[in-house]
C-alpha cells in the first residue's frame, strides 16, 4: 500500500487534502489514478486507508475508507536522542535510522569538538525533517519523530532536566547497567573527536549517568545507531 502524510488539520469530514509535494509524488512519480486506494498517516500515530477522489495541480483530495493499524507500532520506550551534528551525509544517516529504530525526538548538538557549528546546523533542519517524513513512510510508522533546533550541550541539560539521561563517552564512564526498566529515557552522543574534559564535568554535575562501552572503537554515527538499537532491545519493543 502506498503511504502518504497529511497533518491532522488536513483531515475534515471524512476527507483528507494532500499537500502539493504529496500530490506531485502521487501524480507524477507513482502515477496513481482517481479511484486507487492509498494509506494516509497524520504524523501523530493514526493511519487510514483512503480512496483518491480528485487530483489537481497543487492538491489532491481523498476520502477515508477506514482507520488501520500502522505497520510499525510506536515503541513502548519514549526515547529522546541528543547527538552531535556530523558533517556531510553522516548526520542524515543518523536521522534516518533514529526514525527506523523508533526514537520520538532528536536534538542536534553543537559541542566543543563539533565539526559543524550551531548556525550551520540550523541551515540543515529542513532537510532533516524531510528525511524524517520519507523514512516514516518507508518504515511503516505513523508518528513523525521530532527534530528540534540545534542547541549547545549546556542547553541540553536544561532542556532534559528531570529526565533519566545516559551520557555516552569513550572514556571515564561505567558500563551500561540498566536494572530498572525505563519508559522514558534521554541518550546523548558526542562528536567523532569525543568529549572535552569540561563537558564530562558538566555531565556529572547535571546528574547524567556517564556510560563507556569497552571492546569496540565506533564511529560517531555507528555509536548512535548501534546503542539506540541496544536500548530498544533492552527497554523498548525490539526484545
Protein backbone atom coordinates (compact mmCIF):
# COMPACT_ATOMS: atom_id res chain seq x y z
CA UNK A 1 0.00 0.00 0.00
CA UNK A 2 1.36 3.45 -0.95
CA UNK A 3 1.69 5.70 2.12
CA UNK A 4 1.27 9.46 2.25
CA UNK A 5 1.50 12.04 5.02
CA UNK A 6 -1.04 14.72 5.87
CA UNK A 7 -1.06 16.76 9.11
CA UNK A 8 -4.13 16.47 11.37
CA UNK A 9 -5.57 19.79 10.17
CA UNK A 10 -5.85 18.32 6.65
CA UNK A 11 -8.49 15.83 7.88
CA UNK A 12 -12.06 17.18 7.64
CA UNK A 13 -15.46 15.49 7.33
CA UNK A 14 -14.18 12.10 6.23
CA UNK A 15 -11.80 13.52 3.65
CA UNK A 16 -8.12 14.38 3.53
CA UNK A 17 -6.37 17.01 1.43
CA UNK A 18 -2.83 16.13 0.36
CA UNK A 19 -0.21 18.87 0.02
CA UNK A 20 1.48 19.98 -3.18
CA UNK A 21 4.53 17.80 -2.53
CA UNK A 22 2.44 14.73 -1.76
CA UNK A 23 0.25 15.43 -4.79
CA UNK A 24 3.31 15.63 -7.02
CA UNK A 25 4.53 12.31 -5.67
CA UNK A 26 1.11 10.69 -6.12
CA UNK A 27 0.53 12.06 -9.62
CA UNK A 28 3.96 12.42 -11.26
CA UNK A 29 6.08 9.78 -9.54
CA UNK A 30 3.66 6.97 -8.72
CA UNK A 31 1.13 7.91 -11.45
CA UNK A 32 -1.83 6.80 -9.36
CA UNK A 33 -5.28 7.44 -10.87
CA UNK A 34 -8.55 8.54 -9.28
CA UNK A 35 -10.16 5.54 -7.62
CA UNK A 36 -6.96 3.94 -6.36
CA UNK A 37 -6.58 3.22 -2.65
CA UNK A 38 -3.72 4.61 -0.58
CA UNK A 39 -2.84 4.92 3.10
CA UNK A 40 -2.52 8.32 4.77
CA UNK A 41 -0.98 8.86 8.22
CA UNK A 42 -1.30 12.00 10.32
CA UNK A 43 2.14 12.12 11.97
CA UNK A 44 0.57 11.61 15.41
CA UNK A 45 0.15 7.85 15.25
CA UNK A 46 -3.05 7.33 13.25
CA UNK A 47 -3.29 5.85 9.76
CA UNK A 48 -6.20 5.49 7.35
CA UNK A 49 -6.98 3.67 4.13
CA UNK A 50 -8.31 6.21 1.64
CA UNK A 51 -9.60 6.40 -1.92
CA UNK A 52 -8.31 9.01 -4.36
CA UNK A 53 -11.22 11.25 -5.34
CA UNK A 54 -9.63 14.22 -7.11
CA UNK A 55 -6.15 15.12 -8.35
CA UNK A 56 -5.43 18.75 -9.14
CA UNK A 57 -2.29 20.70 -9.97
CA UNK A 58 -1.40 21.59 -6.38
CA UNK A 59 -3.58 19.42 -4.13
CA UNK A 60 -5.34 16.08 -4.07
CA UNK A 61 -8.49 15.05 -2.21
CA UNK A 62 -9.02 11.55 -0.86
CA UNK A 63 -11.93 10.03 1.08
CA UNK A 64 -11.37 7.98 4.21
CA UNK A 65 -12.45 4.34 3.96
CA UNK A 66 -11.38 3.35 7.46
CA UNK A 67 -8.68 3.51 10.10
CA UNK A 68 -5.95 0.86 10.08
CA UNK A 69 -3.11 -0.08 12.40
CA UNK A 70 0.30 1.21 11.30
CA UNK A 71 2.69 -1.47 10.09
CA UNK A 72 5.24 -0.36 12.70
CA UNK A 73 3.62 0.45 16.07
CA UNK A 74 5.27 3.00 18.33
CA UNK A 75 7.88 1.77 20.79
CA UNK A 76 6.97 1.37 24.45
CA UNK A 77 10.13 3.41 25.20
CA UNK A 78 9.76 7.19 24.97
CA UNK A 79 13.26 7.87 23.65
CA UNK A 80 14.97 11.23 23.12
CA UNK A 81 18.29 11.19 21.28
CA UNK A 82 20.68 14.14 21.52
CA UNK A 83 23.60 13.75 19.11
CA UNK A 84 26.45 15.95 17.99
CA UNK A 85 25.94 17.10 14.40
CA UNK A 86 28.27 15.32 11.97
CA UNK A 87 29.48 16.70 8.64
CA UNK A 88 28.07 15.81 5.24
CA UNK A 89 25.60 12.96 4.95
CA UNK A 90 26.67 11.23 8.16
CA UNK A 91 24.07 13.00 10.26
CA UNK A 92 21.46 12.40 7.55
CA UNK A 93 22.06 8.69 8.18
CA UNK A 94 21.63 9.17 11.93
CA UNK A 95 18.31 10.98 11.36
CA UNK A 96 17.02 8.22 9.10
CA UNK A 97 17.99 5.39 11.41
CA UNK A 98 16.60 7.07 14.52
CA UNK A 99 13.23 7.10 12.76
CA UNK A 100 13.53 3.42 11.85
CA UNK A 101 14.58 2.49 15.38
CA UNK A 102 11.58 4.23 16.94
CA UNK A 103 13.05 7.34 18.59
CA UNK A 104 10.46 10.01 19.38
CA UNK A 105 12.71 13.05 19.46
CA UNK A 106 16.10 14.02 18.01
CA UNK A 107 18.06 17.04 19.26
CA UNK A 108 21.12 18.07 17.18
CA UNK A 109 24.01 19.17 19.39
CA UNK A 110 26.94 21.55 18.95
CA UNK A 111 29.87 20.62 21.20
CA UNK A 112 33.39 21.92 21.80
CA UNK A 113 34.87 19.47 19.29
CA UNK A 114 31.99 19.52 16.81
CA UNK A 115 32.93 19.99 13.19
CA UNK A 116 29.58 21.66 12.50
CA UNK A 117 28.53 24.75 14.44
CA UNK A 118 25.00 25.64 15.52
CA UNK A 119 24.48 28.29 12.82
CA UNK A 120 25.44 25.89 10.04
CA UNK A 121 23.48 23.02 11.56
CA UNK A 122 20.35 25.17 11.64
CA UNK A 123 20.51 25.51 7.86
CA UNK A 124 20.07 21.74 7.53
CA UNK A 125 16.97 21.48 9.69
CA UNK A 126 14.51 21.50 6.77
CA UNK A 127 16.47 18.72 5.09
CA UNK A 128 16.47 16.58 8.25
CA UNK A 129 12.73 16.98 8.70
CA UNK A 130 12.16 15.90 5.12
CA UNK A 131 14.32 12.83 5.76
CA UNK A 132 12.12 12.08 8.78
CA UNK A 133 8.97 12.15 6.67
CA UNK A 134 10.42 9.93 3.95
CA UNK A 135 11.85 7.46 6.46
CA UNK A 136 8.49 7.34 8.27
CA UNK A 137 6.73 6.47 5.04
CA UNK A 138 9.18 3.69 4.30
CA UNK A 139 9.41 2.09 7.74
CA UNK A 140 5.68 1.97 8.46
CA UNK A 141 5.45 4.32 11.44
CA UNK A 142 2.52 6.73 11.65
CA UNK A 143 4.09 9.17 14.13
CA UNK A 144 6.73 11.63 12.98
CA UNK A 145 9.91 11.85 15.03
CA UNK A 146 10.52 15.45 16.10
CA UNK A 147 13.79 17.09 15.01
CA UNK A 148 14.39 20.16 17.13
CA UNK A 149 16.52 23.25 16.65
CA UNK A 150 20.24 22.61 17.22
CA UNK A 151 21.45 23.55 20.71
CA UNK A 152 24.66 23.64 22.72
CA UNK A 153 25.47 20.92 25.24
CA UNK A 154 24.76 23.16 28.23
CA UNK A 155 21.28 23.85 26.85
CA UNK A 156 20.52 20.14 26.59
CA UNK A 157 20.93 19.61 30.32
CA UNK A 158 18.46 22.40 30.99
CA UNK A 159 16.00 21.08 28.45
CA UNK A 160 16.18 17.48 29.70
CA UNK A 161 16.31 18.37 33.39
CA UNK A 162 14.47 15.73 35.38
CA UNK A 163 14.80 13.06 32.68
CA UNK A 164 16.80 9.89 33.12
CA UNK A 165 19.87 10.54 30.95
CA UNK A 166 22.64 8.29 29.65
CA UNK A 167 25.70 10.24 28.50
CA UNK A 168 27.83 8.03 26.26
CA UNK A 169 31.56 8.70 26.33
CA UNK A 170 34.65 6.94 25.02
CA UNK A 171 36.24 7.32 28.47
CA UNK A 172 35.67 7.92 32.18
CA UNK A 173 32.32 6.17 32.37
CA UNK A 174 30.81 2.97 33.74
CA UNK A 175 29.31 0.04 31.86
CA UNK A 176 25.72 0.01 30.68
CA UNK A 177 23.81 -1.31 33.69
CA UNK A 178 20.06 -0.93 33.48
CA UNK A 179 18.39 -2.68 36.37
CA UNK A 180 15.06 -0.86 36.34
CA UNK A 181 13.12 -0.82 33.06
CA UNK A 182 12.61 2.76 31.93
CA UNK A 183 9.65 4.05 29.96
CA UNK A 184 11.24 7.42 29.25
CA UNK A 185 14.92 7.93 28.51
CA UNK A 186 17.31 10.51 27.02
CA UNK A 187 20.63 9.46 25.49
CA UNK A 188 23.47 11.78 24.49
CA UNK A 189 26.20 11.14 21.90
CA UNK A 190 29.27 13.25 21.18
CA UNK A 191 31.30 14.10 18.05
CA UNK A 192 33.98 11.94 16.48
CA UNK A 193 36.65 13.81 18.46
CA UNK A 194 34.98 12.85 21.74
CA UNK A 195 34.03 14.99 24.72
CA UNK A 196 36.15 17.72 26.23
CA UNK A 197 37.01 17.35 29.94
CA UNK A 198 34.81 20.34 30.74
CA UNK A 199 31.84 18.67 29.03
CA UNK A 200 32.30 15.49 31.03
CA UNK A 201 32.37 17.53 34.23
CA UNK A 202 29.21 19.32 33.16
CA UNK A 203 27.51 15.97 32.55
CA UNK A 204 28.45 14.74 36.02
CA UNK A 205 27.30 17.95 37.65
CA UNK A 206 23.99 17.69 35.81
CA UNK A 207 23.31 14.21 37.13
CA UNK A 208 23.72 12.29 33.88
CA UNK A 209 25.00 8.71 34.01
CA UNK A 210 28.25 8.57 32.03
CA UNK A 211 28.49 5.29 30.12
CA UNK A 212 31.55 3.83 28.40
CA UNK A 213 31.24 0.66 26.34
CA UNK A 214 34.52 -1.21 26.13
CA UNK A 215 35.85 -3.53 23.45
CA UNK A 216 34.98 -1.58 20.31
CA UNK A 217 36.01 1.71 18.75
CA UNK A 218 32.91 3.04 16.98
CA UNK A 219 32.44 5.93 14.60
CA UNK A 220 30.11 8.59 15.96
CA UNK A 221 27.26 7.67 13.63
CA UNK A 222 27.72 3.94 14.32
CA UNK A 223 27.61 4.52 18.07
CA UNK A 224 24.34 6.45 17.88
CA UNK A 225 22.65 3.84 15.71
CA UNK A 226 24.04 0.76 17.45
CA UNK A 227 23.41 1.93 21.01
CA UNK A 228 19.87 3.06 20.18
CA UNK A 229 19.18 -0.42 18.83
CA UNK A 230 20.60 -1.99 22.02
CA UNK A 231 18.39 0.18 24.23
CA UNK A 232 15.30 -0.55 22.17
CA UNK A 233 16.09 -4.24 22.55
CA UNK A 234 16.50 -3.93 26.33
CA UNK A 235 13.76 -1.44 27.12
CA UNK A 236 11.58 -0.96 24.05
CA UNK A 237 9.69 -3.09 21.56
CA UNK A 238 12.60 -4.96 19.95
CA UNK A 239 13.05 -7.53 22.73
